[in-house]
Protein backbone atom coordinates (compact mmCIF):
# COMPACT_ATOMS: atom_id res chain seq x y z
CA LEU A 1 0.00 0.00 0.00
CA VAL A 2 2.87 2.36 0.79
CA LYS A 3 4.27 1.94 -2.74
CA THR A 4 0.89 2.61 -4.34
CA THR A 5 0.50 6.03 -5.98
CA MET A 6 -2.36 7.79 -4.26
CA HIS A 7 -3.76 11.26 -3.63
CA PRO A 8 -2.38 12.99 -0.48
CA THR A 9 -5.88 12.92 1.01
CA ASP A 10 -5.99 9.14 0.64
CA ALA A 11 -2.53 8.84 2.18
CA LEU A 12 -3.69 10.77 5.24
CA ARG A 13 -6.76 8.60 5.51
CA LEU A 14 -4.49 5.57 5.36
CA LEU A 15 -2.51 6.81 8.34
CA LEU A 16 -5.71 7.38 10.30
CA LEU A 17 -7.18 4.03 9.38
CA CYS A 18 -4.01 2.21 10.46
CA TYR A 19 -5.19 2.66 14.05
CA ILE A 20 -7.89 0.07 13.51
CA SER A 21 -7.39 -3.53 14.61
CA ALA A 22 -5.78 -6.20 12.45
CA ASN A 23 -9.19 -7.85 12.06
CA ASN A 24 -10.34 -4.96 9.87
CA VAL A 25 -7.66 -5.18 7.15
CA THR A 26 -10.29 -6.03 4.54
CA ALA A 27 -12.29 -2.98 5.52
CA LEU A 28 -9.13 -0.86 5.15
CA HIS A 29 -8.58 -2.04 1.55
CA MET A 30 -12.24 -1.37 0.68
CA SER A 31 -12.14 2.11 2.22
CA LEU A 32 -9.05 3.13 0.25
CA ALA A 33 -10.44 1.74 -3.01
CA SER A 34 -13.68 3.63 -2.48
CA SER A 35 -11.81 6.82 -1.54
CA SER A 36 -9.55 6.71 -4.62
CA SER A 37 -12.52 6.10 -6.88
CA SER A 38 -14.54 9.00 -5.45
CA ARG A 39 -11.47 11.23 -5.66
CA GLY A 40 -11.14 10.53 -9.37
CA VAL A 41 -14.80 11.41 -9.97
CA LYS A 42 -14.43 14.68 -7.99
CA ASN A 43 -11.32 15.67 -9.97
CA LYS A 44 -13.19 15.23 -13.25
CA LEU A 45 -16.12 17.31 -11.99
CA ALA A 46 -13.86 20.04 -10.60
CA SER A 47 -12.07 20.31 -13.95
CA LYS A 48 -15.46 21.20 -15.45
CA GLY A 49 -16.08 23.90 -12.81
CA ILE A 50 -18.45 21.74 -10.75
CA ILE A 51 -17.90 21.74 -6.98
CA ASP A 52 -20.12 18.72 -6.26
CA CYS A 53 -20.52 19.23 -2.49
CA GLU A 54 -22.91 17.00 -0.58
CA HIS A 55 -23.81 19.90 1.73
CA PHE A 56 -24.96 22.22 -1.06
CA GLY A 57 -28.51 23.42 -0.44
CA THR A 58 -28.29 23.20 3.35
CA CYS A 59 -24.94 24.94 3.90
CA PRO A 60 -25.17 28.76 3.85
CA GLY A 61 -21.64 29.15 2.51
CA CYS A 62 -22.31 28.50 -1.19
CA VAL A 63 -24.97 29.85 -3.54
CA THR A 64 -23.96 27.77 -6.56
CA ASN A 65 -22.56 24.31 -7.09
CA GLU A 66 -21.50 24.83 -10.71
CA ASP A 67 -20.67 27.62 -13.15
CA VAL A 68 -19.09 29.62 -10.34
CA THR A 69 -18.82 32.82 -12.41
CA ASN A 70 -22.59 32.94 -12.98
CA ILE A 71 -23.37 34.77 -9.76
CA GLU A 72 -25.29 37.94 -8.98
CA ILE A 73 -22.35 40.04 -7.85
CA VAL A 74 -20.40 39.38 -11.07
CA SER A 75 -23.43 40.35 -13.17
CA SER A 76 -23.74 43.58 -11.18
CA ALA A 77 -20.06 44.38 -11.70
CA ILE A 78 -20.29 43.82 -15.47
CA ARG A 79 -23.30 46.14 -15.69
CA TYR A 80 -21.57 48.80 -13.57
CA PHE A 81 -18.37 48.97 -15.61
CA ASP A 82 -20.40 48.91 -18.84
CA SER A 83 -22.64 51.80 -17.72
CA PRO A 84 -22.43 55.00 -19.83
CA SER A 85 -21.01 57.12 -16.98
CA ILE A 86 -18.12 54.72 -16.39
CA ARG A 87 -17.49 54.05 -20.10
CA LEU A 88 -16.67 57.75 -20.60
CA GLN A 89 -14.07 57.65 -17.80
CA ARG A 90 -12.33 54.49 -18.96
CA ALA A 91 -8.94 54.62 -20.67
CA ASP A 92 -10.40 52.78 -23.68
CA LYS A 93 -13.21 55.36 -23.98
CA GLY A 94 -15.80 52.59 -23.90
CA GLU A 95 -14.56 50.72 -26.97
CA ASP A 96 -14.07 47.34 -25.25
CA ASP A 97 -17.42 45.63 -24.70
CA ASN A 98 -15.69 43.04 -22.50
CA PHE A 99 -13.86 45.54 -20.32
CA TYR A 100 -14.53 43.73 -17.02
CA LYS A 101 -12.68 40.44 -17.28
CA VAL A 102 -13.70 37.60 -14.92
CA VAL A 103 -11.13 35.06 -13.72
CA VAL A 104 -11.33 31.94 -11.53
CA PRO A 105 -7.79 32.00 -10.09
CA SER A 106 -7.78 28.59 -8.36
CA ASP A 107 -9.41 25.18 -8.33
CA VAL A 108 -13.12 25.31 -7.54
CA ASP A 109 -12.79 22.67 -4.82
CA GLU A 110 -10.41 22.29 -1.86
CA TRP A 111 -9.32 25.92 -2.23
CA ARG A 112 -10.10 27.10 1.30
CA THR A 113 -6.93 27.07 3.43
CA GLN A 114 -8.50 29.03 6.28
CA ALA A 115 -11.87 28.36 7.91
CA LYS A 116 -13.60 29.97 10.87
CA LEU A 117 -16.33 27.75 12.28
CA ALA A 118 -18.98 28.27 14.93
CA VAL A 119 -19.33 25.83 17.83
CA ALA A 120 -22.53 24.46 19.36
CA LYS A 121 -23.35 21.80 21.91
CA LYS A 122 -24.16 18.37 20.58
CA SER A 123 -27.24 17.91 22.78
CA ASN A 124 -29.16 19.70 25.50
CA TRP A 125 -27.00 18.00 28.10
CA GLY A 126 -24.02 20.02 26.86
CA ARG A 127 -21.29 17.74 28.18
CA ASP A 128 -21.20 15.15 25.41
CA GLY A 129 -19.05 17.20 23.05
CA CYS A 130 -19.40 19.90 20.41
CA ILE A 131 -20.44 20.23 16.80
CA PHE A 132 -18.75 22.58 14.31
CA GLY A 133 -20.04 24.36 11.24
CA LEU A 134 -21.65 27.53 9.90
CA TYR A 135 -24.64 29.43 11.18
CA GLU A 136 -27.85 28.75 9.27
CA ARG A 137 -29.01 31.85 7.43
CA GLY A 138 -31.04 34.11 9.70
CA SER A 139 -30.36 32.12 12.86
CA HIS A 140 -27.68 30.85 15.22
CA ASN A 141 -28.37 27.20 14.48
CA VAL A 142 -25.07 25.56 13.54
CA ILE A 143 -25.12 23.53 10.31
CA GLN A 144 -22.45 20.83 10.27
CA ILE A 145 -20.36 20.51 7.08
CA PRO A 146 -17.96 17.62 7.85
CA ASN A 147 -17.23 16.83 4.19
CA CYS A 148 -17.15 20.37 2.78
CA ALA A 149 -15.84 20.16 -0.78
CA VAL A 150 -14.22 23.62 -0.78
CA HIS A 151 -12.27 23.02 2.43
CA HIS A 152 -8.69 21.87 2.21
CA PRO A 153 -8.98 18.15 3.12
CA ASN A 154 -6.96 18.60 6.30
CA ILE A 155 -9.47 21.14 7.61
CA ASN A 156 -12.15 18.46 7.44
CA VAL A 157 -9.80 16.04 9.21
CA ALA A 158 -9.22 18.68 11.92
CA VAL A 159 -12.97 19.20 12.39
CA GLN A 160 -13.48 15.47 12.80
CA ALA A 161 -10.63 15.37 15.33
CA LEU A 162 -12.21 18.22 17.27
CA THR A 163 -15.61 16.52 17.25
CA GLU A 164 -14.15 13.30 18.66
CA ALA A 165 -11.86 15.03 21.19
CA THR A 166 -14.55 17.32 22.64
CA ALA A 167 -16.81 14.28 23.08
CA LYS A 168 -14.08 12.29 24.81
CA VAL A 169 -13.02 14.99 27.30
CA ARG A 170 -16.56 16.45 27.57
CA THR A 171 -15.76 19.99 26.45
CA ALA A 172 -18.75 22.30 26.84
CA ALA A 173 -19.75 24.57 23.96
CA TYR A 174 -20.62 28.20 24.65
CA ASP A 175 -24.30 28.89 25.27
CA GLU A 176 -25.15 32.47 24.32
CA ASP A 177 -28.42 32.37 26.29
CA THR A 178 -26.77 31.55 29.61
CA GLY A 179 -23.25 32.85 28.91
CA THR A 180 -21.76 29.54 30.06
CA GLY A 181 -19.60 26.95 28.32
CA LEU A 182 -16.03 27.16 27.07
CA LEU A 183 -15.63 26.80 23.30
CA ARG A 184 -17.14 29.51 21.04
CA TYR A 185 -15.37 29.29 17.67
CA VAL A 186 -12.42 27.55 16.04
CA GLN A 187 -10.15 28.72 13.26
CA CYS A 188 -8.16 26.29 11.11
CA GLN A 189 -5.32 27.60 8.94
CA VAL A 190 -3.33 25.34 6.63
CA GLU A 191 0.38 25.82 6.10
CA ARG A 192 0.48 24.83 2.45
CA SER A 193 4.05 23.49 2.37
CA THR A 194 3.38 20.97 5.16
CA GLY A 195 -0.42 20.57 5.11
CA LYS A 196 -0.45 21.04 8.88
CA ILE A 197 -3.16 22.93 10.76
CA CYS A 198 -2.64 26.04 12.86
CA LEU A 199 -5.59 25.73 15.25
CA THR A 200 -7.08 28.63 17.19
CA LEU A 201 -9.55 27.84 19.97
CA VAL A 202 -11.75 30.82 20.82
CA CYS A 203 -12.90 30.42 24.41
CA ASN A 204 -15.43 32.13 26.62
CA ALA A 205 -12.90 33.51 29.09
CA LYS A 206 -11.16 36.72 30.04
CA LYS A 207 -7.69 35.20 30.45
CA TYR A 208 -5.80 31.95 30.06
CA LYS A 209 -6.21 30.67 33.61
CA ASP A 210 -10.01 30.90 33.31
CA THR A 211 -9.92 28.17 30.64
CA GLN A 212 -8.22 25.61 32.85
CA PRO A 213 -8.23 22.66 33.27
CA GLU A 214 -10.83 22.10 30.54
CA LEU A 215 -8.74 23.57 27.72
CA SER A 216 -5.63 21.57 28.62
CA ARG A 217 -7.61 18.34 28.56
CA LEU A 218 -8.85 19.17 25.06
CA THR A 219 -5.46 20.12 23.58
CA THR A 220 -3.79 17.09 25.15
CA GLU A 221 -6.37 14.78 23.58
CA LEU A 222 -6.02 16.48 20.17
CA LYS A 223 -2.23 16.06 20.18
CA LYS A 224 -2.53 12.48 21.38
CA SER A 225 -5.08 11.40 18.78
CA HIS A 226 -3.57 13.27 15.79
CA PRO A 227 0.07 14.06 16.63
CA ASP A 228 1.12 14.84 13.03
CA LEU A 229 -1.85 17.01 12.06
CA TRP A 230 -1.13 20.15 14.07
CA HIS A 231 1.28 22.92 13.17
CA SER A 232 0.48 24.90 16.31
CA MET A 233 -2.33 25.61 18.76
CA TRP A 234 -3.48 29.00 20.01
CA LEU A 235 -5.97 30.31 22.53
CA HIS A 236 -8.01 33.44 21.99
CA CYS A 237 -10.01 34.68 24.99
CA ASN A 238 -13.31 36.31 24.06
CA ASP A 239 -15.86 36.89 26.80
CA SER A 240 -17.72 39.64 24.94
CA ASN A 241 -21.32 39.54 23.80
CA GLY A 242 -22.28 39.35 20.13
CA ASN A 243 -20.89 37.59 17.07
CA VAL A 244 -17.36 39.02 16.97
CA ILE A 245 -14.97 36.08 16.70
CA PHE A 246 -11.76 37.81 17.74
CA ALA A 247 -11.81 40.49 20.44
CA ARG A 248 -9.31 43.35 20.34
CA GLY A 249 -6.16 43.25 22.42
CA ASP A 250 -2.83 41.42 22.27
CA GLU A 251 -3.44 40.08 25.78
CA ARG A 252 -6.28 37.97 24.40
CA TRP A 253 -3.86 35.70 22.52
CA SER A 254 -1.81 32.84 23.98
CA LYS A 255 0.31 30.35 22.05
CA LEU A 256 -0.31 26.89 23.52
CA ASP A 257 1.94 24.73 21.37
CA GLY A 258 4.08 24.74 18.25
CA PRO A 259 5.86 27.43 16.18
CA GLU A 260 4.77 31.06 16.34
CA PHE A 261 4.52 31.63 12.59
CA VAL A 262 2.84 29.91 9.65
CA ARG A 263 5.20 30.40 6.74
CA GLU A 264 4.29 30.74 3.06
CA ARG A 265 6.34 31.39 -0.05
CA LEU A 266 6.17 34.80 -1.68
CA PRO A 267 3.64 34.56 -4.55
CA THR A 268 6.21 35.91 -7.00
CA SER A 269 8.84 33.32 -6.02
CA ASP A 270 10.11 31.05 -8.75
CA PRO A 271 8.90 27.55 -7.76
CA ILE A 272 11.56 25.89 -9.94
CA SER A 273 14.61 27.98 -9.09
CA GLU A 274 16.65 27.24 -5.98
CA ARG A 275 16.91 30.97 -5.35
CA LYS A 276 15.70 31.93 -1.87
CA ASP A 277 13.34 34.81 -2.52
CA GLY A 278 11.96 34.98 1.01
CA LEU A 279 8.90 33.93 2.97
CA LEU A 280 5.70 35.43 4.29
CA PHE A 281 4.93 35.04 7.99
CA PHE A 282 1.46 34.85 9.54
CA THR A 283 0.07 34.39 13.04
CA PRO A 284 -3.62 33.84 13.87
CA ALA A 285 -3.75 37.49 15.01
CA THR A 286 -2.97 38.76 11.50
CA PHE A 287 -5.23 38.86 8.46
CA ARG A 288 -4.81 36.03 5.96
CA GLN A 289 -6.87 35.30 2.85
CA GLY A 290 -9.12 32.23 2.91
CA ASN A 291 -7.91 31.21 -0.56
CA LEU A 292 -4.16 31.78 -0.70
CA ASP A 293 -3.73 29.92 -4.00
CA GLY A 294 -6.20 32.30 -5.64
CA PHE A 295 -4.82 35.44 -3.99
CA ASP A 296 -1.34 34.49 -5.20
CA GLU A 297 -2.58 35.15 -8.73
CA ILE A 298 -3.88 38.58 -7.74
CA SER A 299 -0.54 39.35 -6.07
CA LYS A 300 1.38 38.41 -9.22
CA GLU A 301 -0.78 40.70 -11.34
CA VAL A 302 -0.32 43.58 -8.88
CA ALA A 303 3.46 43.04 -9.03
CA ARG A 304 3.41 43.16 -12.85
CA LEU A 305 1.49 46.46 -12.75
CA VAL A 306 4.12 48.29 -10.68
CA PRO A 307 6.71 49.99 -12.93
CA ASP A 308 10.37 49.42 -12.20
CA GLY A 309 12.10 52.14 -10.20
CA ALA A 310 8.86 53.36 -8.67
CA ALA A 311 8.44 54.50 -5.09
CA VAL A 312 5.50 52.51 -3.69
CA CYS A 313 3.20 53.06 -0.74
CA GLU A 314 0.83 50.30 0.39
CA LEU A 315 -2.08 51.13 2.73
CA TYR A 316 -4.17 48.46 4.50
CA ALA A 317 -1.09 46.29 3.96
CA GLY A 318 -1.66 43.45 6.44
CA VAL A 319 1.67 41.59 6.67
CA GLY A 320 2.87 43.30 3.47
CA LEU A 321 2.00 40.52 1.03
CA LEU A 322 1.27 42.71 -2.00
CA GLY A 323 4.07 45.20 -1.45
CA LEU A 324 6.81 42.67 -0.72
CA SER A 325 5.73 40.56 -3.70
CA ALA A 326 5.99 43.64 -5.95
CA LEU A 327 9.40 44.46 -4.47
CA SER A 328 10.76 40.98 -5.22
CA TYR A 329 9.21 40.85 -8.69
CA ALA A 330 10.62 44.25 -9.69
CA HIS A 331 14.13 43.25 -8.61
CA TYR A 332 14.23 40.00 -10.56
CA ASN A 333 12.08 40.82 -13.59
CA ASN A 334 11.73 44.50 -14.44
CA ALA A 335 15.17 46.04 -14.34
CA PRO A 336 18.00 45.38 -16.81
CA SER A 337 20.37 42.64 -15.74
CA GLY A 338 23.56 43.82 -14.12
CA ASP A 339 21.94 46.97 -12.70
CA ASN A 340 23.06 47.33 -9.10
CA GLU A 341 20.17 49.66 -8.27
CA LYS A 342 17.38 47.72 -9.92
CA GLY A 343 13.96 47.20 -8.48
CA LEU A 344 11.71 49.60 -6.61
CA ARG A 345 13.10 52.85 -5.24
CA TRP A 346 11.41 52.25 -1.90
CA LEU A 347 8.40 50.51 -0.35
CA ARG A 348 6.40 51.81 2.61
CA CYS A 349 3.66 49.64 4.11
CA SER A 350 1.21 50.37 6.91
CA ASP A 351 -1.72 48.84 8.76
CA GLU A 352 -3.34 49.50 12.11
CA ASN A 353 -2.95 45.94 13.47
CA PRO A 354 0.23 45.91 15.63
CA ALA A 355 0.58 42.13 15.16
CA ASN A 356 1.54 42.73 11.53
CA LEU A 357 4.81 44.53 12.28
CA ASN A 358 6.76 41.50 13.50
CA CYS A 359 5.47 39.39 10.58
CA PHE A 360 6.51 42.08 8.08
CA ASN A 361 10.00 42.44 9.51
CA ARG A 362 10.45 38.66 9.56
CA ALA A 363 9.45 38.52 5.90
CA ALA A 364 11.70 41.42 4.88
CA ASP A 365 14.64 39.92 6.78
CA SER A 366 14.12 36.59 5.01
CA MET A 367 14.52 38.26 1.61
CA PRO A 368 17.94 38.80 0.00
CA PRO A 369 19.63 42.04 1.18
CA GLU A 370 20.08 43.20 -2.42
CA VAL A 371 16.28 43.22 -2.80
CA THR A 372 15.34 45.00 0.43
CA GLY A 373 18.43 47.14 0.96
CA ARG A 374 18.59 45.83 4.51
CA PRO A 375 21.78 44.34 5.92
CA LYS A 376 21.78 40.59 6.37
CA PHE A 377 19.69 39.75 9.42
CA ALA A 378 21.63 38.69 12.52
CA PRO A 379 19.86 38.26 15.88
CA VAL A 380 21.23 40.47 18.64
CA LYS A 381 22.69 38.45 21.51
CA GLN A 382 21.71 39.77 24.91
CA ASN A 383 23.78 39.13 28.03
CA PHE A 384 22.09 38.64 31.35
CA LYS A 385 24.32 39.14 34.37
CA GLY A 386 23.64 38.89 38.05
CA LYS A 387 25.50 40.55 40.92
CA ASN A 388 28.49 38.20 40.67
CA GLY A 389 28.65 38.24 36.90
CA ASN A 390 26.74 35.00 36.57
CA ASN A 391 23.57 34.69 34.56
CA GLY A 392 20.62 36.03 36.51
CA ARG A 393 17.31 37.73 36.13
CA LYS A 394 18.59 41.29 36.00
CA LYS A 395 19.27 42.55 32.48
CA ASN A 396 22.56 44.32 31.90
CA TYR A 397 23.08 45.10 28.22
CA LYS A 398 23.25 48.05 25.91
CA LYS A 399 20.23 48.85 23.82
CA PRO A 400 20.94 47.85 20.20
CA PRO A 401 21.16 50.69 17.68
CA PRO A 402 18.12 51.41 15.45
CA ARG A 403 17.88 48.87 12.66
CA ASP A 404 18.70 49.82 9.09
CA GLU A 405 15.34 49.58 7.29
CA GLY A 406 16.92 49.71 3.85
CA LYS A 407 14.29 50.63 1.29
CA VAL A 408 11.39 48.85 3.02
CA SER A 409 9.59 50.09 6.10
CA TYR A 410 6.39 49.49 8.05
CA MET A 411 4.23 51.84 10.10
CA VAL A 412 1.58 50.66 12.56
CA ALA A 413 -1.16 53.18 11.80
CA SER A 414 -4.56 53.47 10.20
CA ALA A 415 -4.61 54.36 6.51
CA THR A 416 -5.61 57.94 7.31
CA ASN A 417 -2.91 58.45 9.93
CA ALA A 418 -0.30 56.85 7.68
CA LEU A 419 -1.09 59.36 4.93
CA TYR A 420 -0.89 62.31 7.33
CA GLU A 421 2.47 61.00 8.56
CA GLY A 422 3.74 61.32 4.99
CA GLN A 423 3.88 57.65 4.00
CA ALA A 424 2.79 58.40 0.43
CA LEU A 425 4.76 61.61 -0.10
CA GLY A 426 7.00 61.09 -3.10
CA ALA A 427 5.29 57.81 -4.05
CA GLU A 428 4.31 57.27 -7.69
CA VAL A 429 2.28 54.12 -6.97
CA LEU A 430 -0.30 53.62 -4.25
CA ILE A 431 -1.56 50.09 -3.50
CA VAL A 432 -4.73 49.76 -1.41
CA ASP A 433 -6.46 46.61 -0.20
CA PRO A 434 -9.14 47.97 2.14
CA PRO A 435 -11.75 45.99 4.08
CA ARG A 436 -15.28 45.55 2.73
CA LYS A 437 -16.27 49.08 3.73
CA GLY A 438 -13.79 50.51 1.21
CA LEU A 439 -11.40 53.45 1.52
CA ASP A 440 -11.44 55.70 4.57
CA ASP A 441 -13.15 59.01 3.83
CA GLU A 442 -9.93 60.97 4.43
CA VAL A 443 -7.95 58.70 2.10
CA LEU A 444 -10.54 59.12 -0.64
CA ALA A 445 -10.56 62.89 -0.10
CA GLN A 446 -6.77 63.05 -0.60
CA LEU A 447 -7.00 60.99 -3.79
CA CYS A 448 -9.66 63.36 -5.14
CA LYS A 449 -7.38 66.38 -4.79
CA PRO A 450 -5.82 67.60 -8.06
CA HIS A 451 -2.06 67.52 -8.48
CA ASP A 452 -0.39 70.66 -7.08
CA PRO A 453 2.69 71.54 -9.19
CA LYS A 454 3.73 74.19 -6.64
CA GLN A 455 3.95 71.74 -3.74
CA PRO A 456 7.60 70.92 -2.92
CA LEU A 457 8.69 67.53 -4.19
CA VAL A 458 9.65 65.72 -0.97
CA ASP A 459 9.16 62.25 0.50
CA ASN A 460 9.16 63.33 4.15
CA ASN A 461 6.47 65.44 5.81
CA ALA A 462 9.10 67.02 8.07
CA LEU A 463 10.20 68.98 5.00
CA LEU A 464 6.76 70.49 4.50
CA PHE A 465 5.83 73.48 6.63
CA GLU A 466 2.32 74.15 5.38
CA PRO A 467 -0.75 73.17 7.45
CA ASN A 468 -2.14 69.68 6.77
CA TRP A 469 -5.29 70.99 5.11
CA SER A 470 -3.24 72.61 2.34
CA ILE A 471 -1.03 69.58 1.63
CA ASN A 472 -1.81 66.94 -0.96
CA PHE A 473 -0.38 63.83 0.70
CA VAL A 474 -0.66 61.80 -2.53
CA ASN A 475 0.52 64.58 -4.81
CA GLU A 476 2.94 62.52 -6.89
CA VAL A 477 0.82 59.34 -7.09
CA ASN A 478 -0.04 58.65 -10.73
CA THR A 479 -1.03 54.97 -10.40
CA LEU A 480 -3.62 53.65 -7.97
CA ILE A 481 -3.90 49.86 -7.68
CA TYR A 482 -7.12 49.05 -5.84
CA VAL A 483 -7.79 45.48 -4.63
CA SER A 484 -11.42 45.36 -3.53
CA CYS A 485 -13.19 42.70 -1.47
CA GLY A 486 -16.46 44.67 -1.29
CA PHE A 487 -17.86 45.60 -4.68
CA ASP A 488 -20.47 48.10 -3.42
CA ALA A 489 -17.72 50.08 -1.68
CA LEU A 490 -15.52 49.91 -4.78
CA ALA A 491 -18.33 51.31 -6.93
CA ARG A 492 -18.82 54.18 -4.49
CA ASP A 493 -15.08 54.97 -4.39
CA CYS A 494 -14.78 54.62 -8.17
CA ASP A 495 -17.61 57.10 -8.73
CA LYS A 496 -15.89 59.70 -6.56
CA LEU A 497 -12.46 59.20 -8.11
CA LEU A 498 -13.70 59.47 -11.69
CA SER A 499 -16.16 62.31 -11.14
CA GLY A 500 -13.65 64.59 -9.40
CA ASN A 501 -11.05 66.90 -10.93
CA ALA A 502 -7.99 64.90 -9.86
CA GLY A 503 -7.49 63.52 -13.39
CA TRP A 504 -8.09 59.82 -12.72
CA VAL A 505 -9.09 57.43 -15.51
CA LEU A 506 -9.93 53.75 -15.13
CA GLU A 507 -7.39 51.68 -17.04
CA SER A 508 -8.61 48.16 -16.24
CA ALA A 509 -10.85 46.13 -13.94
CA THR A 510 -10.64 42.38 -13.42
CA GLY A 511 -12.96 40.29 -11.28
CA TYR A 512 -11.48 37.32 -9.44
CA VAL A 513 -13.89 34.66 -8.20
CA LEU A 514 -11.70 34.06 -5.18
CA PHE A 515 -14.23 31.98 -3.24
CA PRO A 516 -15.83 29.66 -5.82
CA GLY A 517 -19.37 28.75 -4.86
CA SER A 518 -20.08 31.97 -2.95
CA ASN A 519 -21.66 35.19 -4.18
CA HIS A 520 -18.39 37.12 -3.87
CA VAL A 521 -15.89 38.69 -6.24
CA GLU A 522 -12.56 40.40 -5.62
CA THR A 523 -11.90 43.19 -8.11
CA LEU A 524 -8.50 44.48 -9.14
CA ALA A 525 -9.00 47.99 -10.51
CA VAL A 526 -6.17 50.11 -11.92
CA PHE A 527 -6.47 53.91 -12.10
CA ARG A 528 -3.99 56.19 -13.88
CA ARG A 529 -3.71 59.91 -13.38
CA ARG A 530 -3.14 62.29 -16.26
CA GLY A 531 -0.40 64.85 -15.80
CA ARG A 532 3.35 65.10 -15.65
CA ARG A 533 5.42 62.78 -13.52
CA ARG A 534 7.98 64.19 -11.10
CA VAL A 535 10.65 61.98 -9.54
CA ILE A 536 12.87 62.77 -6.59
CA GLU A 537 16.51 62.54 -7.59
CA GLU A 538 18.58 60.45 -5.17
């Protein structure tokens, strides 16, 4: 059986089934044969754009089981970009009848590498384990989806492990009517290179000690029953009311087991070359796309859109995925070979989540110094000396000098505050990937200001002495790359950008069906600004 060529899912099932007794060997062979056969059928259906999920119709997650581009939101987007008012503001002047291109950037099944699931008690007794799934539309009844076809297979294995473990150790699910019970939600994130699960357990507690000993019993059973499945385990304490999964505050997070970071390759990395382009780093406290395979394609297109030698500012940057991908791509692809100063002039990223900063710096330090301009990363050794010179608790060391950021930097700030701090001064390209609500009002207002040729050409707000209200903080930006996850907000922002006197025209718009089966589309819109281009001389 070990020498037999099989799908990775079947191999994992083999490992799980090996726990059965020797008397069930025949059943093992039958199970694998059935699994391989069903896998072949599913692959053929998926190649035709058919998801073929047994939960379709009862699960609230999907609105279609086939023809995943034939959804309401895509039809609305096509009509919007084909409307007369938008046609006049497009770079093609309305000549292209298929202006809004629609792309399915990944497989239609097994694409989800991150899942957040609600937890409910299995019965009224409440101490016979938990069930996991999605809320039924219009209610808080949890619908189980144990064989979800869009989940990465290991997420379904993790859900089954959780179901069995909570039953065995009698973990109580949270009851919103009484405010009692421990487990509220779970989040499963797949590290694609290993297939292992980073598990976050969201518990009804204010701090770690309030979860004990119930939480320890659960995690011990999970590690015992599936020792090779878990990448890491985390606790998030959330004792608030309502449906918010993650409460604010670093003190809410505790790492229970395993490595701190889930690591992923840069989307623009060459999968064939042995060149080490760098890695992306995520923790459960940072934002990560549910379909990383699909978002990789968006990231590659964003990187191709950024001209070589540009100064780039990225707002709503998360861990810096889009900006760092563009930085790497520009270094290896855009500039002439042999140019010592090739690539982007500089990259500034920002986001208001403080958990992103460490992930960004880890990623930048993993990239070659010639790409980032940073010196090769070397951890600072700290000496701890006691009264007699021996190691002790008292710290006695000099504070290390400020790190050399090279040409990449990160600011923990909201998009509005980052602009007012001068993050986009001197930038020719602005990348934005806002939440569903779209751009902040102040960010949109700055983008709607016309270019001011009299404003000094600087890339630091300390060199400007005018009051903030008179400064155009995106004065030199001539390319706006807008990655939208909320189409209604994009349409609103697009209307304001194109109807103002800032000189913006819509160059292209591409819809990515990032979550096949759902009524959702991510749109990559590119805006160019008419007018002369000024560049700061180094």
